[in-house]
Amino acid sequence: MDKKIEEIENTGKQSLEAEKRIERRVDAIRQSQQDCHRDAILDWISSSRFSTQQSDFIARREEGTGSWFLHEPEFKEWIYGSSQTLFCPGMPGAGKTIVAAVVIDHIANTVQNDGNGLAYIFCNYKEQGEQKASILLAAILRQLVQARRSIPATVSQLHNHHITRGTTPSPQEIFRTLLSILEDYSRVYVVIDALDECLDSQLLIKIRHLQTKARTDLHLMATSRFIPEIEQNFAGALRLEIRASENDVRTFVASQMYRLPDFVQDDVELPGIVQDIITQAVDGMFLLAHLYIESLLDKNTKKEVKSALRLFKENQEKLDKVYDKAYTDALRRIDAQLPGKRRLAKKVLSWITYAERPLTPGELCHALAIELGKLDEDDILEDESRIVSICAGLVTVDEKTNIVRLVHYTAQKYFERIREIWCTYAQLKIATTCLIYLTLDDFRTGSCPSDDKFQKRLEDNKLLSYAARYWAYHIRTVEEK
């Protein structure tokens, strides 16, 4: 009898455990479905991923640089006090974006919680199509919604209203919904980097409107170059100029010493002299420090290095001329390379300068491989670091965003000024490349029978999306000339 009772009890326990396992699985499935639904709504609000750029900037930052900003009275008043707006102008290459990233990281790790929200934007004038005011406000909305434990009812209602009709929300609806979500917080911090690179003036107007209408304490910080029109919009706001500290510049220069020729590194005094002179010569400009380091890489003797350092020290020209000289020197280093490398570097710079949107390394490598009416697969660059190395420090690859770009905004402006001289017939060559790519044998079979096949075609033919969308633009540009 006791044995039977024990068997019944064991069976009951096993059944109970089985039920619990089933419940856990059901809960996991339900949670997975809820997560998928949540992600779908967030992606519907905005596809912008400024968080990947933030991670990239923090990863690139030399430890400790930019921290000075967090100790300034103006910043403390903005983050902890009642002052709602902090304007942070700075010269090109002064480290504004890194400071913005440091501030975002600081808020995320010390201030952000259920009551304090955080949203941020990195403006880029090369992405004007994706950086209209309504799109950027939607990106702010997404970030504030994403920080909540569940999707707010107002957002779900907006999503359901439009998803059933196949429509998208108007700018007014985005604004009203954002105003509603702000009320879920007691304070919200919004950081906008490179406001001068956003050509849509409505962005600042709308955010200022939010500041006045929201019952939430909305604190705005914006970085920008010194643009009179923008500075006027921040009259009366807290103001803190971004200018790299001497210690920050020295830290950066010291971190680059390993790149210099061995005869510099092995010298007892020369590394210290290099650090001292560059730190003093750049006057708080990280970009200039980077360009000066680049200009020392091809020096062959100590005499050549010291001669270059002397020029750095004596250079008293205006900053834009200093940058132009540094970029011109970089082009001379490119022209001094072997013919094959020189041609490749010019093609890279032509594509980056003229492309209608930023390119991925894969897209650029396929574009470079088009020769004599065909795609030579043996000619596709598999090592994207070669693209960077042949361009004399003018090109970089964002690991997080997977975009190939020029090293700085000022470099883009420089190439736009000289590209007609330096990149002769570039638009025609790009248009031709796009047309050749669209007529490759891979596409002779016609349209794809399924979405999966189409996706596979895009993955295998990396330039297809760009070529199909922009070939006509490049042709039209050539015809207009």
Foldseek 3Di string as FASTA:
>chain_A
DVVVVVVVVVVVVVVVVVVVVVVVVVVVVVVVVQVVVLVVLLVQLAVDDVVLVLVLLVVPAQPPWLVVVCPDPLNCCQVPHQFFEEEAEEAFQLCQVSNLSVVQVCCVPPPDDQAEAEAEEEAALLPQVCQAQLNRLSRRVSRLQVRDPHRDPLSVVQCVVCVVVVHGDDSVSSLVVSLVSLVSHQEYEYEYEAPVSHPHPVNVVSVVVSCVPHPHRYHYYYYHYPDPVVVVVQVPHHYDYRFTDLVSLLSVLLVLVVLADPVQVPDPCNSVVLSVLLSVLVRSRNVLSLLLSLLRRPDDDPVVVVVSSVCSNPDPDDPLVSVLVSLVSLLVVLVPDDPVLSVLLLLLVLCQLPASHFAALQQSQQLSQDDDLARDPVSRDPDSVSNCVSRSNQWDARPSVRTIHGPTPSSSVSCVVCVCPSVPCSLVSSLVSLVSLCPYPVCPVDDDPDPVVVVVVCVVSVNNVRSVVCSVVSVVVVVVD
